[in-house]
């Protein structure tokens, strides 16, 4: 039992906060950091926060998170659907299992 606990890798839930008015280059930098977290085996909680009157346009937050999940679709899957809590809209993504297969393409060629 202790061996299993000793060998088990603890995965943290990393957090990334974004404003609705984030620029494209800033978003690319955040996405690069999210990809590195996912490659390390962590889950990532992505939070879009609303300021002031931005709460009246919640659809912009959902569109931003949809854009993020679409750009991360090849390496990540959504673990938790978008959830609005106060002025924060958040989702949780985790690394997809197909990512490990993509790193080892030799396994597929040996079967041929």
N, C-alpha and C. Protein backbone atom coordinates (compact mmCIF):
# COMPACT_ATOMS: atom_id res chain seq x y z
N UNK A 1 0.82 -1.19 0.00
CA UNK A 1 0.00 0.00 0.00
C UNK A 1 0.87 1.26 0.00
N UNK A 2 1.91 1.27 0.81
CA UNK A 2 2.78 2.45 0.85
C UNK A 2 3.56 2.60 -0.44
N UNK A 3 3.89 1.50 -1.09
CA UNK A 3 4.61 1.57 -2.35
C UNK A 3 3.77 2.29 -3.41
N UNK A 4 2.49 1.96 -3.42
CA UNK A 4 1.60 2.60 -4.39
C UNK A 4 1.55 4.10 -4.16
N UNK A 5 1.46 4.51 -2.92
CA UNK A 5 1.41 5.94 -2.60
C UNK A 5 2.74 6.62 -2.94
N UNK A 6 3.83 5.91 -2.71
CA UNK A 6 5.14 6.49 -2.96
C UNK A 6 5.36 6.69 -4.46
N UNK A 7 4.88 5.75 -5.28
CA UNK A 7 5.08 5.82 -6.71
C UNK A 7 4.04 6.68 -7.42
N UNK A 8 2.93 6.97 -6.75
CA UNK A 8 1.87 7.75 -7.38
C UNK A 8 2.31 9.20 -7.55
N UNK A 9 2.04 9.73 -8.71
CA UNK A 9 2.40 11.12 -8.99
C UNK A 9 1.24 12.02 -8.57
N UNK A 10 1.56 13.00 -7.75
CA UNK A 10 0.50 13.92 -7.34
C UNK A 10 0.37 15.00 -8.41
N UNK A 11 -0.87 15.20 -8.84
CA UNK A 11 -1.09 16.22 -9.85
C UNK A 11 -1.83 17.39 -9.21
N UNK A 12 -1.31 18.56 -9.44
CA UNK A 12 -1.92 19.76 -8.90
C UNK A 12 -2.93 20.29 -9.89
N UNK A 13 -3.80 21.18 -9.39
CA UNK A 13 -4.68 21.92 -10.27
C UNK A 13 -4.07 23.31 -10.40
N UNK A 14 -3.46 23.58 -11.54
CA UNK A 14 -2.87 24.89 -11.80
C UNK A 14 -3.98 25.84 -12.22
N UNK A 15 -3.76 27.12 -12.04
CA UNK A 15 -4.79 28.10 -12.34
C UNK A 15 -4.26 29.15 -13.31
N UNK A 16 -5.09 29.53 -14.28
CA UNK A 16 -4.73 30.58 -15.22
C UNK A 16 -5.91 31.55 -15.31
N UNK A 17 -5.65 32.83 -15.01
CA UNK A 17 -6.70 33.85 -15.03
C UNK A 17 -6.55 34.73 -16.26
N UNK A 18 -7.70 35.02 -16.90
CA UNK A 18 -7.72 35.83 -18.10
C UNK A 18 -8.81 36.89 -17.99
N UNK A 19 -8.54 38.06 -18.50
CA UNK A 19 -9.57 39.08 -18.62
C UNK A 19 -10.27 38.93 -19.95
N UNK A 20 -11.45 39.52 -20.08
CA UNK A 20 -12.18 39.40 -21.34
C UNK A 20 -11.51 40.16 -22.47
N UNK A 21 -10.81 41.23 -22.15
CA UNK A 21 -10.20 42.07 -23.18
C UNK A 21 -8.76 41.68 -23.49
N UNK A 22 -8.41 40.43 -23.28
CA UNK A 22 -7.03 39.97 -23.49
C UNK A 22 -6.68 40.04 -24.99
N UNK A 23 -5.49 40.49 -25.27
CA UNK A 23 -5.03 40.57 -26.65
C UNK A 23 -4.62 39.21 -27.18
N UNK A 24 -4.48 39.11 -28.50
CA UNK A 24 -4.16 37.82 -29.11
C UNK A 24 -2.78 37.32 -28.71
N UNK A 25 -1.79 38.21 -28.65
CA UNK A 25 -0.45 37.78 -28.26
C UNK A 25 -0.40 37.36 -26.80
N UNK A 26 -1.08 38.10 -25.94
CA UNK A 26 -1.13 37.72 -24.53
C UNK A 26 -1.81 36.37 -24.36
N UNK A 27 -2.86 36.14 -25.14
CA UNK A 27 -3.57 34.86 -25.07
C UNK A 27 -2.66 33.72 -25.52
N UNK A 28 -1.86 33.95 -26.55
CA UNK A 28 -0.93 32.91 -27.03
C UNK A 28 0.10 32.55 -25.95
N UNK A 29 0.58 33.55 -25.23
CA UNK A 29 1.53 33.29 -24.15
C UNK A 29 0.88 32.46 -23.05
N UNK A 30 -0.37 32.81 -22.69
CA UNK A 30 -1.09 32.05 -21.65
C UNK A 30 -1.32 30.62 -22.13
N UNK A 31 -1.67 30.45 -23.40
CA UNK A 31 -1.91 29.10 -23.94
C UNK A 31 -0.64 28.26 -23.93
N UNK A 32 0.49 28.90 -24.21
CA UNK A 32 1.78 28.18 -24.16
C UNK A 32 2.04 27.67 -22.75
N UNK A 33 1.76 28.51 -21.75
CA UNK A 33 1.96 28.12 -20.36
C UNK A 33 0.99 27.00 -19.96
N UNK A 34 -0.25 27.08 -20.43
CA UNK A 34 -1.23 26.02 -20.15
C UNK A 34 -0.77 24.70 -20.75
N UNK A 35 -0.24 24.75 -21.99
CA UNK A 35 0.26 23.53 -22.63
C UNK A 35 1.39 22.90 -21.82
N UNK A 36 2.28 23.74 -21.27
CA UNK A 36 3.38 23.19 -20.48
C UNK A 36 2.87 22.55 -19.19
N UNK A 37 1.83 23.14 -18.58
CA UNK A 37 1.22 22.54 -17.39
C UNK A 37 0.62 21.19 -17.74
N UNK A 38 -0.08 21.11 -18.87
CA UNK A 38 -0.72 19.86 -19.27
C UNK A 38 0.32 18.79 -19.60
N UNK A 39 1.42 19.17 -20.21
CA UNK A 39 2.48 18.20 -20.52
C UNK A 39 3.12 17.66 -19.25
N UNK A 40 3.13 18.47 -18.18
CA UNK A 40 3.66 18.01 -16.91
C UNK A 40 2.68 17.13 -16.16
N UNK A 41 1.47 16.96 -16.69
CA UNK A 41 0.49 16.08 -16.08
C UNK A 41 -0.46 16.76 -15.10
N UNK A 42 -0.48 18.07 -15.08
CA UNK A 42 -1.37 18.79 -14.18
C UNK A 42 -2.71 19.10 -14.86
N UNK A 43 -3.74 19.26 -14.03
CA UNK A 43 -4.99 19.81 -14.52
C UNK A 43 -4.87 21.32 -14.46
N UNK A 44 -5.60 22.02 -15.33
CA UNK A 44 -5.53 23.47 -15.36
C UNK A 44 -6.94 24.04 -15.26
N UNK A 45 -7.12 24.93 -14.29
CA UNK A 45 -8.39 25.65 -14.15
C UNK A 45 -8.22 27.00 -14.83
N UNK A 46 -8.99 27.24 -15.88
CA UNK A 46 -8.90 28.47 -16.65
C UNK A 46 -10.07 29.36 -16.23
N UNK A 47 -9.74 30.54 -15.74
CA UNK A 47 -10.76 31.45 -15.24
C UNK A 47 -10.78 32.73 -16.07
N UNK A 48 -11.97 33.08 -16.56
CA UNK A 48 -12.17 34.38 -17.22
C UNK A 48 -12.92 35.24 -16.20
N UNK A 49 -12.35 36.39 -15.87
CA UNK A 49 -13.02 37.23 -14.87
C UNK A 49 -13.65 38.44 -15.53
N UNK A 50 -14.80 38.83 -14.98
CA UNK A 50 -15.56 39.95 -15.48
C UNK A 50 -15.33 41.16 -14.59
N UNK A 51 -15.24 42.34 -15.20
CA UNK A 51 -15.10 43.57 -14.45
C UNK A 51 -16.27 44.48 -14.78
N UNK A 52 -16.90 45.03 -13.76
CA UNK A 52 -17.94 46.03 -13.94
C UNK A 52 -19.05 45.59 -14.86
N UNK A 53 -19.24 46.35 -15.93
CA UNK A 53 -20.36 46.09 -16.84
C UNK A 53 -20.15 44.89 -17.74
N UNK A 54 -18.99 44.28 -17.68
CA UNK A 54 -18.74 43.10 -18.50
C UNK A 54 -19.68 41.96 -18.12
N UNK A 55 -20.24 42.01 -16.91
CA UNK A 55 -21.18 40.96 -16.49
C UNK A 55 -22.42 40.95 -17.37
N UNK A 56 -22.73 42.07 -18.00
CA UNK A 56 -23.89 42.15 -18.89
C UNK A 56 -23.64 41.40 -20.20
N UNK A 57 -22.37 41.09 -20.48
CA UNK A 57 -22.01 40.40 -21.73
C UNK A 57 -21.30 39.09 -21.41
N UNK A 58 -21.99 38.22 -20.71
CA UNK A 58 -21.40 36.95 -20.30
C UNK A 58 -21.09 36.06 -21.49
N UNK A 59 -21.79 36.26 -22.60
CA UNK A 59 -21.54 35.43 -23.78
C UNK A 59 -20.11 35.62 -24.30
N UNK A 60 -19.51 36.77 -24.05
CA UNK A 60 -18.12 36.99 -24.47
C UNK A 60 -17.17 36.08 -23.69
N UNK A 61 -17.46 35.85 -22.42
CA UNK A 61 -16.64 34.94 -21.62
C UNK A 61 -16.76 33.51 -22.11
N UNK A 62 -18.00 33.10 -22.45
CA UNK A 62 -18.19 31.74 -22.97
C UNK A 62 -17.48 31.58 -24.32
N UNK A 63 -17.51 32.63 -25.16
CA UNK A 63 -16.82 32.56 -26.45
C UNK A 63 -15.31 32.48 -26.27
N UNK A 64 -14.77 33.23 -25.30
CA UNK A 64 -13.33 33.18 -25.03
C UNK A 64 -12.92 31.78 -24.58
N UNK A 65 -13.67 31.18 -23.66
CA UNK A 65 -13.34 29.83 -23.19
C UNK A 65 -13.51 28.80 -24.31
N UNK A 66 -14.49 29.00 -25.18
CA UNK A 66 -14.66 28.08 -26.31
C UNK A 66 -13.47 28.18 -27.26
N UNK A 67 -12.96 29.41 -27.48
CA UNK A 67 -11.79 29.59 -28.33
C UNK A 67 -10.57 28.91 -27.73
N UNK A 68 -10.44 29.00 -26.41
CA UNK A 68 -9.30 28.37 -25.73
C UNK A 68 -9.38 26.85 -25.83
N UNK A 69 -10.56 26.29 -25.55
CA UNK A 69 -10.69 24.83 -25.61
C UNK A 69 -10.51 24.31 -27.04
N UNK A 70 -10.92 25.11 -28.03
CA UNK A 70 -10.74 24.70 -29.42
C UNK A 70 -9.26 24.68 -29.79
N UNK A 71 -8.50 25.66 -29.28
CA UNK A 71 -7.07 25.68 -29.61
C UNK A 71 -6.28 24.63 -28.84
N UNK A 72 -6.81 24.17 -27.71
CA UNK A 72 -6.14 23.13 -26.93
C UNK A 72 -6.70 21.74 -27.21
N UNK A 73 -7.61 21.64 -28.18
CA UNK A 73 -8.35 20.38 -28.38
C UNK A 73 -7.46 19.19 -28.71
N UNK A 74 -6.30 19.41 -29.34
CA UNK A 74 -5.46 18.27 -29.71
C UNK A 74 -4.71 17.67 -28.52
N UNK A 75 -4.53 18.44 -27.44
CA UNK A 75 -3.78 17.90 -26.30
C UNK A 75 -4.58 17.85 -25.01
N UNK A 76 -5.79 18.43 -24.99
CA UNK A 76 -6.54 18.50 -23.74
C UNK A 76 -8.02 18.20 -23.96
N UNK A 77 -8.65 17.73 -22.90
CA UNK A 77 -10.10 17.55 -22.89
C UNK A 77 -10.67 18.32 -21.71
N UNK A 78 -11.92 18.75 -21.85
CA UNK A 78 -12.57 19.52 -20.79
C UNK A 78 -13.00 18.56 -19.70
N UNK A 79 -12.53 18.81 -18.49
CA UNK A 79 -12.85 17.98 -17.34
C UNK A 79 -14.08 18.51 -16.62
N UNK A 80 -14.27 19.82 -16.66
CA UNK A 80 -15.40 20.46 -15.98
C UNK A 80 -15.96 21.52 -16.92
N UNK A 81 -17.24 21.47 -17.17
CA UNK A 81 -17.91 22.41 -18.07
C UNK A 81 -17.81 23.83 -17.52
N UNK A 82 -18.05 24.85 -18.36
CA UNK A 82 -17.99 26.23 -17.88
C UNK A 82 -18.97 26.46 -16.72
N UNK A 83 -18.46 27.13 -15.71
CA UNK A 83 -19.22 27.34 -14.49
C UNK A 83 -19.06 28.80 -14.07
N UNK A 84 -20.17 29.50 -13.85
CA UNK A 84 -20.13 30.89 -13.45
C UNK A 84 -20.28 30.96 -11.94
N UNK A 85 -19.26 31.52 -11.28
CA UNK A 85 -19.29 31.68 -9.82
C UNK A 85 -18.92 33.13 -9.51
N UNK A 86 -19.90 33.91 -9.15
CA UNK A 86 -19.65 35.32 -8.88
C UNK A 86 -19.27 36.03 -10.17
N UNK A 87 -18.10 36.65 -10.20
CA UNK A 87 -17.63 37.34 -11.40
C UNK A 87 -16.61 36.53 -12.17
N UNK A 88 -16.51 35.23 -11.87
CA UNK A 88 -15.54 34.37 -12.54
C UNK A 88 -16.26 33.27 -13.31
N UNK A 89 -15.84 33.06 -14.53
CA UNK A 89 -16.31 31.96 -15.35
C UNK A 89 -15.14 31.01 -15.53
N UNK A 90 -15.30 29.75 -15.12
CA UNK A 90 -14.14 28.86 -15.12
C UNK A 90 -14.45 27.50 -15.73
N UNK A 91 -13.40 26.89 -16.29
CA UNK A 91 -13.44 25.51 -16.76
C UNK A 91 -12.17 24.82 -16.26
N UNK A 92 -12.22 23.50 -16.23
CA UNK A 92 -11.03 22.71 -15.86
C UNK A 92 -10.73 21.79 -17.03
N UNK A 93 -9.46 21.82 -17.48
CA UNK A 93 -9.03 20.94 -18.57
C UNK A 93 -7.93 20.02 -18.06
N UNK A 94 -7.85 18.85 -18.67
CA UNK A 94 -6.79 17.90 -18.33
C UNK A 94 -6.22 17.36 -19.62
N UNK A 95 -5.04 16.78 -19.50
CA UNK A 95 -4.36 16.24 -20.67
C UNK A 95 -5.12 15.03 -21.19
N UNK A 96 -5.23 14.93 -22.51
CA UNK A 96 -5.90 13.78 -23.10
C UNK A 96 -4.95 12.61 -23.17
N UNK A 97 -5.48 11.40 -23.18
CA UNK A 97 -4.64 10.20 -23.21
C UNK A 97 -3.99 10.00 -24.57
N UNK A 98 -4.57 10.58 -25.62
CA UNK A 98 -3.97 10.44 -26.96
C UNK A 98 -2.65 11.18 -27.05
N UNK A 99 -2.40 12.10 -26.12
CA UNK A 99 -1.14 12.85 -26.09
C UNK A 99 0.04 11.91 -25.84
N UNK A 100 -0.13 10.93 -24.98
CA UNK A 100 0.95 9.98 -24.69
C UNK A 100 1.23 9.10 -25.92
N UNK A 101 0.18 8.77 -26.68
CA UNK A 101 0.37 7.97 -27.88
C UNK A 101 1.12 8.75 -28.95
N UNK A 102 0.87 10.03 -29.02
CA UNK A 102 1.53 10.86 -30.04
C UNK A 102 3.02 10.97 -29.77
N UNK A 103 3.44 10.89 -28.52
CA UNK A 103 4.86 10.99 -28.19
C UNK A 103 5.61 9.72 -28.57
N UNK A 104 4.92 8.58 -28.68
CA UNK A 104 5.57 7.31 -28.99
C UNK A 104 5.03 6.75 -30.30
N UNK A 105 5.40 7.33 -31.43
CA UNK A 105 4.89 6.82 -32.70
C UNK A 105 5.51 5.50 -33.11
N UNK A 106 6.62 5.07 -32.46
CA UNK A 106 7.26 3.82 -32.82
C UNK A 106 6.38 2.63 -32.48
N UNK A 107 5.56 2.75 -31.45
CA UNK A 107 4.68 1.67 -31.06
C UNK A 107 3.70 1.30 -32.16
N UNK A 108 3.24 2.30 -32.91
CA UNK A 108 2.31 2.05 -34.00
C UNK A 108 2.99 1.42 -35.20
N UNK A 109 4.24 1.81 -35.50
CA UNK A 109 4.94 1.29 -36.67
C UNK A 109 5.39 -0.16 -36.46
N UNK A 110 5.62 -0.57 -35.22
CA UNK A 110 6.03 -1.95 -34.97
C UNK A 110 4.90 -2.93 -35.22
N UNK A 111 3.66 -2.46 -35.06
CA UNK A 111 2.52 -3.35 -35.27
C UNK A 111 2.34 -3.68 -36.75
N UNK A 112 2.84 -2.83 -37.63
CA UNK A 112 2.69 -3.08 -39.08
C UNK A 112 3.58 -4.14 -39.50
